[in-house]
Protein backbone atom coordinates (compact mmCIF):
# COMPACT_ATOMS: atom_id res chain seq x y z
CA MET A 1 -12.02 -66.41 -166.68
CA ARG A 2 -10.21 -63.10 -167.22
CA ILE A 3 -12.21 -60.09 -166.03
CA LEU A 4 -11.38 -56.43 -166.65
CA MET A 5 -13.16 -54.17 -164.14
CA VAL A 6 -13.56 -50.44 -164.84
CA THR A 7 -14.59 -48.27 -161.89
CA ALA A 8 -14.07 -44.74 -160.60
CA GLU A 9 -13.90 -45.97 -156.99
CA LEU A 10 -12.21 -48.86 -155.24
CA ALA A 11 -11.71 -49.29 -151.52
CA PRO A 12 -9.34 -48.51 -149.91
CA LEU A 13 -7.69 -46.42 -152.65
CA ALA A 14 -10.54 -44.10 -153.63
CA LYS A 15 -13.94 -43.99 -151.98
CA VAL A 16 -16.99 -41.74 -152.00
CA GLY A 17 -19.75 -44.28 -151.35
CA GLY A 18 -20.78 -47.91 -151.54
CA LEU A 19 -19.45 -48.36 -155.09
CA ALA A 20 -15.91 -48.48 -153.72
CA ASP A 21 -16.76 -51.25 -151.26
CA VAL A 22 -18.77 -53.29 -153.76
CA ALA A 23 -16.15 -53.08 -156.51
CA ALA A 24 -13.48 -54.26 -154.07
CA SER A 25 -15.55 -57.03 -152.47
CA LEU A 26 -16.86 -58.40 -155.77
CA SER A 27 -13.38 -58.41 -157.28
CA ALA A 28 -12.02 -60.25 -154.23
CA ALA A 29 -14.86 -62.80 -154.29
CA LEU A 30 -14.33 -63.51 -157.99
CA ALA A 31 -10.58 -63.84 -157.49
CA ALA A 32 -11.20 -66.28 -154.63
CA ARG A 33 -13.28 -68.36 -157.04
CA GLY A 34 -10.29 -68.69 -159.37
CA HIS A 35 -10.78 -65.82 -161.81
CA ASP A 36 -8.06 -63.48 -163.04
CA VAL A 37 -9.43 -60.05 -162.12
CA ARG A 38 -7.80 -56.74 -163.07
CA VAL A 39 -9.31 -53.41 -161.91
CA VAL A 40 -8.59 -50.04 -163.53
CA LEU A 41 -9.24 -46.64 -161.95
CA PRO A 42 -7.58 -43.21 -162.17
CA LEU A 43 -4.55 -42.33 -160.06
CA TYR A 44 -6.18 -39.50 -158.12
CA GLY A 45 -4.06 -36.96 -156.30
CA ASP A 46 -5.23 -38.14 -152.88
CA VAL A 47 -4.41 -41.83 -153.38
CA GLU A 48 -1.92 -42.84 -150.67
CA THR A 49 0.70 -44.09 -153.10
CA LYS A 50 3.42 -44.97 -150.58
CA ALA A 51 1.18 -46.77 -148.13
CA LEU A 52 -0.45 -48.80 -150.90
CA GLY A 53 2.73 -49.55 -152.81
CA VAL A 54 1.63 -47.71 -155.98
CA ARG A 55 4.38 -47.73 -158.61
CA PRO A 56 4.71 -47.72 -162.41
CA VAL A 57 4.07 -51.06 -164.09
CA SER A 58 7.44 -52.47 -165.07
CA GLY A 59 7.77 -52.95 -168.82
CA ALA A 60 4.45 -51.31 -169.68
CA PRO A 61 4.98 -48.45 -172.14
CA ALA A 62 3.32 -45.09 -171.84
CA PHE A 63 0.20 -44.62 -173.94
CA THR A 64 -1.73 -41.80 -175.55
CA ALA A 65 -5.45 -41.21 -175.94
CA ARG A 66 -7.35 -38.55 -177.82
CA VAL A 67 -9.67 -36.45 -175.65
CA GLY A 68 -11.44 -34.12 -178.04
CA GLN A 69 -8.74 -32.29 -179.98
CA THR A 70 -6.10 -32.95 -177.32
CA VAL A 71 -3.78 -35.95 -177.19
CA ARG A 72 -3.31 -37.00 -173.57
CA ALA A 73 -0.38 -39.14 -172.43
CA GLY A 74 -0.73 -41.61 -169.60
CA ARG A 75 1.07 -44.36 -167.76
CA LEU A 76 -0.17 -47.40 -165.88
CA HIS A 77 0.70 -47.85 -162.22
CA GLU A 78 -0.03 -50.85 -160.04
CA ALA A 79 -1.03 -50.95 -156.37
CA ALA A 80 1.42 -53.66 -155.38
CA GLY A 81 0.83 -53.24 -151.65
CA LEU A 82 -2.74 -54.57 -151.66
CA ALA A 83 -3.21 -58.18 -150.57
CA THR A 84 -6.49 -58.61 -152.42
CA GLY A 85 -6.12 -61.61 -154.71
CA TYR A 86 -6.74 -59.38 -157.74
CA ARG A 87 -4.58 -56.78 -159.45
CA VAL A 88 -5.24 -53.04 -159.32
CA TYR A 89 -4.04 -50.63 -161.99
CA LEU A 90 -4.20 -46.84 -161.83
CA VAL A 91 -4.08 -44.45 -164.77
CA GLU A 92 -1.59 -41.62 -164.29
CA ASN A 93 -2.15 -38.24 -165.92
CA ASP A 94 -1.28 -35.32 -163.67
CA ALA A 95 -3.22 -32.74 -165.67
CA LEU A 96 -6.53 -34.57 -165.32
CA PHE A 97 -6.17 -36.85 -162.29
CA GLY A 98 -3.35 -35.40 -160.20
CA ARG A 99 -5.56 -33.25 -157.95
CA LEU A 100 -7.61 -34.06 -154.86
CA GLY A 101 -11.06 -35.51 -155.39
CA ILE A 102 -12.87 -38.13 -157.44
CA TYR A 103 -15.96 -36.34 -158.79
CA THR A 104 -15.66 -33.00 -157.02
CA GLY A 105 -12.95 -30.78 -155.60
CA PRO A 106 -12.47 -29.68 -151.98
CA ASP A 107 -15.12 -26.99 -152.60
CA GLY A 108 -17.71 -29.70 -153.30
CA LEU A 109 -18.25 -28.58 -156.89
CA PRO A 110 -18.03 -31.01 -159.83
CA PHE A 111 -14.83 -30.77 -161.84
CA ALA A 112 -15.20 -28.63 -164.97
CA ASP A 113 -13.15 -31.23 -166.87
CA GLY A 114 -15.05 -34.21 -165.46
CA LEU A 115 -15.99 -35.51 -168.91
CA ALA A 116 -12.38 -35.35 -170.09
CA ARG A 117 -11.36 -37.37 -167.01
CA THR A 118 -13.97 -39.99 -167.83
CA VAL A 119 -12.94 -40.19 -171.49
CA LEU A 120 -9.28 -40.76 -170.60
CA HIS A 121 -10.07 -43.30 -167.88
CA CYS A 122 -12.29 -45.40 -170.16
CA GLN A 123 -9.88 -45.32 -173.10
CA ALA A 124 -6.96 -46.21 -170.82
CA ALA A 125 -8.84 -49.18 -169.40
CA LEU A 126 -9.45 -50.54 -172.89
CA THR A 127 -5.79 -50.00 -173.78
CA LEU A 128 -4.58 -52.01 -170.77
CA PRO A 129 -4.90 -55.47 -172.42
CA THR A 130 -2.61 -54.36 -175.25
CA LEU A 131 -0.10 -52.78 -172.86
CA LEU A 132 0.04 -55.90 -170.69
CA ASN A 133 -0.42 -58.52 -173.41
CA TRP A 134 -3.41 -59.82 -171.46
CA THR A 135 -6.70 -60.90 -173.05
CA PRO A 136 -9.88 -60.48 -170.98
CA GLY A 137 -13.07 -62.39 -171.60
CA VAL A 138 -15.26 -59.87 -169.76
CA LEU A 139 -15.31 -56.07 -169.65
CA HIS A 140 -17.23 -55.20 -166.47
CA CYS A 141 -18.10 -51.49 -166.19
CA HIS A 142 -19.42 -49.97 -162.96
CA ASP A 143 -21.83 -47.04 -162.99
CA ALA A 144 -22.11 -44.02 -165.25
CA GLU A 145 -18.48 -42.94 -165.09
CA ALA A 146 -17.36 -46.27 -166.58
CA ALA A 147 -20.35 -46.74 -168.91
CA LEU A 148 -18.46 -45.02 -171.71
CA ALA A 149 -16.01 -47.92 -171.75
CA ALA A 150 -18.82 -50.24 -172.92
CA VAL A 151 -19.61 -47.79 -175.75
CA TYR A 152 -15.99 -47.47 -176.82
CA HIS A 153 -15.61 -51.24 -176.68
CA LYS A 154 -18.49 -51.80 -179.05
CA HIS A 155 -17.50 -49.15 -181.58
CA TRP A 156 -13.71 -48.87 -181.35
CA TYR A 157 -12.14 -51.81 -179.53
CA ARG A 158 -14.11 -54.87 -180.51
CA THR A 159 -11.58 -55.79 -183.20
CA VAL A 160 -8.49 -54.62 -181.30
CA PRO A 161 -6.18 -57.50 -180.32
CA GLY A 162 -6.70 -58.27 -176.67
CA MET A 163 -10.34 -57.15 -176.63
CA GLN A 164 -11.78 -59.28 -179.43
CA GLN A 165 -13.31 -61.97 -177.24
CA ALA A 166 -14.57 -59.72 -174.45
CA GLY A 167 -18.26 -59.25 -173.80
CA SER A 168 -19.33 -56.15 -171.86
CA LEU A 169 -21.44 -55.89 -168.70
CA LEU A 170 -22.65 -52.61 -167.19
CA THR A 171 -23.59 -52.66 -163.49
CA ILE A 172 -25.74 -49.73 -162.32
CA HIS A 173 -25.23 -49.04 -158.63
CA ASN A 174 -27.52 -46.00 -158.55
CA LEU A 175 -29.58 -44.90 -161.53
CA ALA A 176 -29.82 -41.33 -160.22
CA TYR A 177 -26.20 -40.64 -161.18
CA GLN A 178 -26.04 -40.59 -164.97
CA GLU A 179 -23.08 -38.39 -166.05
CA LEU A 180 -25.00 -35.67 -167.90
CA HIS A 181 -23.01 -33.12 -169.91
CA PRO A 182 -23.84 -30.27 -172.34
CA ARG A 183 -24.42 -31.49 -175.88
CA ARG A 184 -21.57 -29.36 -177.19
CA THR A 185 -19.11 -31.50 -175.17
CA MET A 186 -19.76 -34.50 -177.43
CA GLU A 187 -16.57 -33.48 -179.23
CA LEU A 188 -14.58 -34.61 -176.18
CA VAL A 189 -16.09 -38.10 -176.41
CA GLY A 190 -14.78 -38.53 -179.93
CA LEU A 191 -17.77 -40.41 -181.31
CA PRO A 192 -20.01 -39.06 -184.14
CA PRO A 193 -21.57 -35.75 -183.09
CA GLU A 194 -24.97 -36.77 -184.48
CA TRP A 195 -25.14 -39.40 -181.72
CA ALA A 196 -25.88 -36.50 -179.35
CA GLN A 197 -29.08 -35.72 -181.26
CA TYR A 198 -32.30 -37.70 -181.43
CA PRO A 199 -32.37 -40.66 -181.98
CA GLY A 200 -28.69 -40.94 -181.04
CA ILE A 201 -27.63 -43.13 -178.14
CA PHE A 202 -26.27 -40.19 -176.09
CA GLU A 203 -29.21 -37.79 -176.65
CA TYR A 204 -31.03 -36.77 -173.48
CA HIS A 205 -33.06 -33.53 -173.31
CA ASP A 206 -30.48 -31.45 -175.18
CA GLN A 207 -27.65 -33.03 -173.19
CA ILE A 208 -25.50 -36.13 -173.53
CA ASN A 209 -26.09 -38.97 -171.09
CA LEU A 210 -23.23 -41.43 -170.64
CA LEU A 211 -25.26 -43.91 -168.60
CA LYS A 212 -28.00 -44.05 -171.24
CA ALA A 213 -25.44 -44.78 -173.96
CA GLY A 214 -23.86 -47.50 -171.83
CA ILE A 215 -27.22 -49.14 -171.17
CA LEU A 216 -27.93 -49.28 -174.89
CA GLU A 217 -24.49 -50.50 -175.98
CA ALA A 218 -23.35 -52.92 -173.26
CA GLY A 219 -23.78 -56.61 -173.91
CA LEU A 220 -25.73 -57.06 -170.65
CA VAL A 221 -26.94 -54.67 -167.93
CA ASN A 222 -27.69 -55.30 -164.28
CA THR A 223 -28.36 -53.41 -161.11
CA VAL A 224 -27.67 -54.28 -157.51
CA SER A 225 -30.89 -55.87 -156.24
CA PRO A 226 -33.81 -57.73 -157.82
CA THR A 227 -36.45 -55.40 -156.36
CA TYR A 228 -34.65 -52.26 -157.54
CA ALA A 229 -34.42 -53.78 -161.04
CA ARG A 230 -38.21 -54.13 -161.08
CA GLU A 231 -38.84 -50.72 -159.51
CA VAL A 232 -36.83 -48.72 -162.04
CA LEU A 233 -38.84 -50.21 -164.90
CA VAL A 234 -42.26 -49.27 -163.51
CA ASP A 235 -41.72 -46.26 -161.23
CA PRO A 236 -40.95 -43.06 -163.19
CA ASP A 237 -39.35 -41.43 -160.14
CA LEU A 238 -36.98 -44.31 -159.48
CA GLY A 239 -36.38 -44.79 -163.21
CA CYS A 240 -34.92 -41.25 -163.33
CA GLY A 241 -35.93 -40.81 -166.95
CA LEU A 242 -34.38 -44.09 -168.14
CA SER A 243 -37.19 -46.58 -167.50
CA GLY A 244 -37.97 -46.78 -171.21
CA VAL A 245 -34.31 -47.21 -172.12
CA LEU A 246 -33.92 -50.06 -169.64
CA GLY A 247 -37.16 -51.58 -170.93
CA GLU A 248 -35.59 -51.76 -174.39
CA ARG A 249 -33.03 -54.21 -173.01
CA ASP A 250 -35.82 -56.64 -172.07
CA GLY A 251 -34.17 -59.96 -171.12
CA ASP A 252 -30.72 -58.38 -170.99
CA PHE A 253 -31.42 -56.50 -167.74
CA CYS A 254 -31.58 -58.04 -164.24
CA GLY A 255 -30.85 -57.41 -160.57
CA ILE A 256 -28.18 -59.13 -158.47
CA LEU A 257 -28.13 -58.41 -154.75
CA ASN A 258 -24.81 -57.16 -153.42
CA GLY A 259 -22.99 -59.11 -150.78
CA ALA A 260 -21.45 -57.53 -147.71
CA ASP A 261 -17.84 -57.09 -146.64
CA LEU A 262 -17.81 -59.62 -143.82
CA GLU A 263 -14.10 -59.19 -143.17
CA THR A 264 -14.30 -55.51 -142.28
CA TRP A 265 -17.71 -55.79 -140.62
CA ASP A 266 -17.34 -58.62 -138.12
CA PRO A 267 -18.25 -58.03 -134.45
CA ALA A 268 -16.17 -61.06 -133.44
CA ARG A 269 -12.91 -59.30 -134.38
CA ASP A 270 -13.69 -55.62 -134.82
CA PRO A 271 -10.83 -53.52 -133.38
CA ASP A 272 -13.05 -50.44 -133.11
CA LEU A 273 -15.33 -52.01 -130.49
CA PRO A 274 -14.77 -51.97 -126.73
CA THR A 275 -15.38 -55.71 -126.72
CA VAL A 276 -16.11 -58.35 -129.34
CA TYR A 277 -19.02 -60.76 -129.59
CA ASP A 278 -20.73 -63.10 -132.04
CA ALA A 279 -24.03 -64.90 -132.66
CA ALA A 280 -23.06 -67.78 -130.37
CA ASP A 281 -22.34 -65.39 -127.51
CA PRO A 282 -23.78 -61.90 -128.09
CA THR A 283 -23.40 -60.75 -124.48
CA GLY A 284 -20.64 -58.29 -125.41
CA LYS A 285 -23.20 -56.19 -127.28
CA ALA A 286 -24.56 -54.85 -123.97
CA ARG A 287 -21.17 -53.39 -123.09
CA CYS A 288 -20.90 -51.87 -126.59
CA ARG A 289 -24.23 -50.15 -125.93
CA THR A 290 -23.09 -48.81 -122.57
CA GLU A 291 -19.80 -47.51 -123.98
CA LEU A 292 -21.48 -45.91 -127.00
CA ALA A 293 -23.91 -44.05 -124.74
CA ARG A 294 -20.99 -42.82 -122.65
CA GLU A 295 -19.03 -41.74 -125.73
CA LEU A 296 -21.95 -39.75 -127.16
CA GLY A 297 -23.33 -38.42 -123.89
CA LEU A 298 -26.58 -40.37 -124.15
CA SER A 299 -28.77 -41.62 -121.29
CA PRO A 300 -31.09 -44.10 -123.03
CA ALA A 301 -32.51 -45.42 -119.74
CA ASP A 302 -34.92 -48.30 -120.38
CA GLY A 303 -35.92 -47.36 -123.92
CA PRO A 304 -34.30 -48.60 -127.11
CA LEU A 305 -31.39 -46.82 -128.77
CA ALA A 306 -31.60 -46.29 -132.53
CA GLY A 307 -28.57 -45.63 -134.71
CA MET A 308 -28.21 -44.16 -138.18
CA VAL A 309 -25.01 -43.82 -140.21
CA GLY A 310 -24.62 -42.44 -143.72
CA ARG A 311 -25.00 -39.56 -146.11
CA LEU A 312 -27.52 -36.96 -145.02
CA VAL A 313 -29.31 -36.54 -148.32
CA GLU A 314 -32.92 -36.71 -149.46
CA GLN A 315 -32.59 -40.33 -150.62
CA LYS A 316 -31.93 -41.52 -147.07
CA GLY A 317 -35.35 -40.60 -145.72
CA LEU A 318 -34.54 -37.62 -143.51
CA GLU A 319 -37.79 -35.96 -144.59
CA VAL A 320 -39.79 -38.71 -142.87
CA LEU A 321 -37.49 -39.06 -139.86
CA LEU A 322 -37.19 -35.40 -138.87
CA PRO A 323 -40.96 -34.69 -138.58
CA ALA A 324 -41.31 -37.82 -136.44
CA LEU A 325 -38.24 -37.28 -134.29
CA ASP A 326 -39.72 -35.37 -131.35
CA SER A 327 -42.57 -37.86 -131.06
CA LEU A 328 -40.14 -40.78 -131.12
CA ILE A 329 -38.15 -39.27 -128.26
CA ALA A 330 -41.38 -38.75 -126.30
CA GLU A 331 -42.22 -42.41 -126.91
CA GLY A 332 -39.00 -43.59 -125.26
CA TRP A 333 -36.44 -43.69 -128.05
CA SER A 334 -32.89 -42.37 -128.01
CA LEU A 335 -31.07 -41.63 -131.27
CA ALA A 336 -27.44 -41.55 -132.44
CA VAL A 337 -26.74 -40.19 -135.94
CA LEU A 338 -23.38 -40.02 -137.71
CA GLY A 339 -22.94 -38.46 -141.13
CA THR A 340 -22.54 -35.43 -143.33
CA GLY A 341 -24.55 -34.12 -146.23
CA GLN A 342 -27.07 -31.41 -146.98
CA GLU A 343 -26.72 -28.44 -144.68
CA THR A 344 -30.47 -28.36 -144.01
CA TYR A 345 -30.40 -31.85 -142.54
CA GLU A 346 -27.21 -31.24 -140.57
CA ARG A 347 -28.72 -28.15 -138.97
CA ALA A 348 -31.98 -29.94 -138.15
CA LEU A 349 -30.18 -32.83 -136.47
CA ALA A 350 -27.93 -30.49 -134.50
CA ALA A 351 -31.04 -28.63 -133.33
CA ALA A 352 -32.69 -31.90 -132.30
CA ALA A 353 -29.61 -32.82 -130.25
CA ALA A 354 -29.81 -29.41 -128.54
CA ARG A 355 -33.54 -29.89 -127.80
CA HIS A 356 -33.06 -33.39 -126.42
CA PRO A 357 -29.75 -33.53 -124.53
CA GLY A 358 -28.95 -37.06 -123.45
CA ARG A 359 -31.47 -38.50 -125.85
CA VAL A 360 -30.25 -37.36 -129.29
CA ALA A 361 -26.61 -37.30 -130.38
CA PHE A 362 -25.46 -36.00 -133.75
CA ALA A 363 -21.88 -36.34 -135.02
CA GLY A 364 -21.65 -34.33 -138.24
CA ARG A 365 -18.45 -35.87 -139.56
CA PHE A 366 -16.94 -38.92 -141.19
CA ASP A 367 -15.67 -41.30 -138.50
CA ASP A 368 -15.25 -44.94 -139.50
CA GLY A 369 -14.53 -46.16 -135.98
CA LEU A 370 -17.63 -44.46 -134.58
CA ALA A 371 -19.68 -45.96 -137.42
CA HIS A 372 -18.68 -49.41 -136.21
CA ARG A 373 -19.46 -48.54 -132.60
CA ILE A 374 -22.90 -47.17 -133.50
CA MET A 375 -23.58 -50.35 -135.45
CA ALA A 376 -22.65 -52.48 -132.43
CA GLY A 377 -24.05 -50.31 -129.65
CA SER A 378 -27.49 -49.56 -131.09
CA ASP A 379 -30.54 -51.73 -130.54
CA VAL A 380 -32.19 -50.65 -133.80
CA TYR A 381 -30.71 -49.44 -137.06
CA LEU A 382 -32.76 -46.79 -138.89
CA MET A 383 -32.82 -46.87 -142.69
CA PRO A 384 -36.01 -45.11 -143.85
CA SER A 385 -34.67 -44.52 -147.38
CA ARG A 386 -36.94 -43.12 -150.06
CA TYR A 387 -35.18 -45.52 -152.43
CA GLU A 388 -32.20 -47.82 -151.98
CA PRO A 389 -30.70 -49.71 -154.94
CA CYS A 390 -29.21 -52.24 -152.56
CA GLY A 391 -27.92 -50.81 -149.30
CA LEU A 392 -25.15 -52.40 -147.28
CA THR A 393 -25.52 -50.94 -143.81
CA GLN A 394 -28.71 -52.86 -143.07
CA MET A 395 -26.69 -56.05 -143.68
CA TYR A 396 -23.87 -54.84 -141.44
CA ALA A 397 -26.40 -53.89 -138.76
CA MET A 398 -27.93 -57.36 -138.69
CA ARG A 399 -24.49 -58.94 -138.51
CA TYR A 400 -23.86 -56.79 -135.41
CA GLY A 401 -27.15 -57.86 -133.83
CA THR A 402 -28.84 -54.52 -134.50
CA VAL A 403 -32.40 -54.90 -135.76
CA PRO A 404 -33.19 -52.79 -138.86
CA VAL A 405 -36.26 -50.58 -139.35
CA VAL A 406 -36.56 -49.89 -143.08
CA HIS A 407 -38.81 -48.53 -145.77
CA ARG A 408 -39.83 -51.29 -148.18
CA THR A 409 -37.82 -50.43 -151.28
CA GLY A 410 -35.00 -51.84 -153.42
CA GLY A 411 -32.42 -53.93 -151.63
CA LEU A 412 -34.02 -53.20 -148.26
CA ALA A 413 -37.05 -55.21 -149.41
CA ASP A 414 -34.73 -58.02 -150.52
CA THR A 415 -32.81 -58.28 -147.24
CA VAL A 416 -35.18 -57.29 -144.41
CA ARG A 417 -38.20 -59.46 -143.64
CA ASP A 418 -40.82 -58.01 -141.33
CA ALA A 419 -40.95 -59.41 -137.80
CA ALA A 420 -44.66 -60.21 -138.23
CA LYS A 421 -43.73 -62.87 -140.81
CA ALA A 422 -42.04 -66.21 -140.35
CA GLN A 423 -38.28 -65.85 -139.98
CA GLY A 424 -38.60 -62.08 -139.71
CA ASN A 425 -35.42 -60.12 -139.00
CA GLY A 426 -36.58 -56.49 -138.85
CA PHE A 427 -39.43 -54.03 -139.18
CA VAL A 428 -40.67 -52.81 -142.56
CA PHE A 429 -43.02 -49.92 -143.37
CA GLU A 430 -44.70 -49.56 -146.75
CA SER A 431 -45.83 -45.93 -147.02
CA PHE A 432 -43.08 -43.33 -147.17
CA THR A 433 -44.56 -41.06 -144.47
CA PRO A 434 -43.57 -39.96 -140.95
CA GLY A 435 -46.66 -41.71 -139.60
CA ALA A 436 -45.73 -45.05 -141.16
CA LEU A 437 -42.23 -44.75 -139.72
CA ARG A 438 -43.65 -44.05 -136.25
CA VAL A 439 -45.86 -47.13 -136.44
CA ALA A 440 -42.89 -49.32 -137.39
CA MET A 441 -40.81 -47.81 -134.58
CA ALA A 442 -43.63 -48.45 -132.09
CA ARG A 443 -43.72 -52.09 -133.14
CA ALA A 444 -39.95 -52.30 -132.72
CA ARG A 445 -40.15 -50.67 -129.27
CA ASP A 446 -42.80 -53.16 -128.14
CA ALA A 447 -40.73 -56.09 -129.42
CA PHE A 448 -37.65 -54.70 -127.65
CA ARG A 449 -39.53 -54.94 -124.35
CA ASP A 450 -40.05 -58.67 -124.94
CA GLY A 451 -36.54 -59.98 -124.33
CA GLU A 452 -37.17 -63.44 -125.72
CA ALA A 453 -38.78 -62.23 -128.96
CA TRP A 454 -36.07 -59.60 -129.39
CA GLY A 455 -33.36 -62.22 -128.93
CA ARG A 456 -34.83 -64.27 -131.77
CA LEU A 457 -34.76 -61.24 -134.10
CA VAL A 458 -31.17 -60.51 -133.16
CA ARG A 459 -30.03 -64.09 -133.73
CA ARG A 460 -31.75 -64.35 -137.13
CA GLY A 461 -30.00 -61.24 -138.30
CA MET A 462 -26.61 -62.32 -137.01
CA ASN A 463 -26.93 -65.74 -138.63
CA ALA A 464 -28.08 -64.47 -142.04
CA ASP A 465 -25.82 -65.21 -145.01
CA PHE A 466 -24.86 -61.94 -146.68
CA SER A 467 -21.56 -63.20 -148.07
CA TRP A 468 -20.47 -62.49 -151.64
CA ASP A 469 -20.48 -66.17 -152.67
CA ARG A 470 -24.06 -66.19 -153.94
CA SER A 471 -23.69 -62.84 -155.68
CA ALA A 472 -20.39 -63.81 -157.30
CA ALA A 473 -21.99 -66.97 -158.66
CA ALA A 474 -24.78 -64.86 -160.20
CA TYR A 475 -22.20 -62.63 -161.90
CA GLU A 476 -20.43 -65.71 -163.21
CA GLU A 477 -23.68 -66.71 -164.89
CA LEU A 478 -23.85 -63.31 -166.63
CA TYR A 479 -20.25 -63.72 -167.72
CA ARG A 480 -21.09 -67.12 -169.20
CA ARG A 481 -23.98 -65.56 -171.10
CA LEU A 482 -21.62 -62.96 -172.51
CA ALA A 483 -19.13 -65.62 -173.55
CA ALA A 484 -21.84 -67.62 -175.28
CA SER A 485 -23.08 -64.54 -177.11
CA ARG A 486 -19.57 -63.78 -178.40
CA LYS A 487 -18.92 -67.24 -179.85
CA GLY A 488 -18.66 -67.17 -183.60
CA GLN A 489 -18.60 -63.37 -183.82
CA PRO A 490 -15.84 -61.85 -185.94
């Protein structure tokens, strides 16, 4: 099957969050299963072109696309230096993409021409089959930035040679990010302006909503875990204003749990660790713990060491962790946190580290090597997220023998089974409160003191199958549904 992927992020070329890792891992898994996968993203100014072998596609002509009243020229490049099994194309346009940043600039502010960037990216992706004389069977769009490609496909490209047989799939990685723009900017999109007014597909509280339009126009829609797919339909907060829109898709909306990147996250061959280990012989984990404590200036003594890595934003549950933190330290815990995000949370964690020297360490930066060492050197991995469409770090933690403590939501509910149940692999709390977190942490601390019981939890996590094979097979089934729906259509 020929699959055209459209995404704003793709590891290792351009990454802000988990979308980059998922787009890369899914593409690789599908390619390994025999599919011809091509991925299209913009050629951002900070892409390491030399290191990744990025160069113009030989024989592919330049192209033009209309962005509002402006005709934009572009050229396809290919990342020839990636040994991925799939092909990666980047859209060159210096005026729109040739600066640093994916969604925001170095000042952290969204680009003023963000919609124009999206319009050009999506049109360029749909032009690729014509430029390369390549006919895809599936157009797979990732998140709100690529959702517009599904809309263009339905209304502009369905009869264009090269795109006639393609069915479209929109994967929502996080419903909170919807690409909202002022209604007056509908001119840039190039579709009828009345579509920005009720009951138009883009209309959303006097704005245009690209994700909403993509949900309505894509052939099929999915999100990245079964539980999150159910939650966004019934919980107004998690539905982020689009529960009703998703409900209109009825049987055309589902959840597929992400897999994990088991090549990058493998304690048996991780170059960032002081020593390697695996499920058959996890003894090296003790040295990783000792070295992590030394690196961060921690003295965890006999109590358990909890780690937390990620963006410091409201979604990640800082508002339940911070009120409980002093009590957790008094109850014997030590804590290592790595990440950046909202200044309020960064300041609070820095203050906690100052209050509890040797027991709390906070590294307010991005440090991939330290992330791996925290994953390996911690006893417990904290993920008290308010919501989590899928989550990947809880899977990585279990692979590294680090037992997760999670709030029961989204993909966390689909991957972590409470230790009180048969085949449990972590600790789950239901109520999103500091008190509920403290109870779960107390249960984890008590289990940690029972070496035999703790060893069983560690081994279950390390032996769990979080590979992409199962997920890739589920996507193949959606692709087959799309192909069946396209048969006989003009």
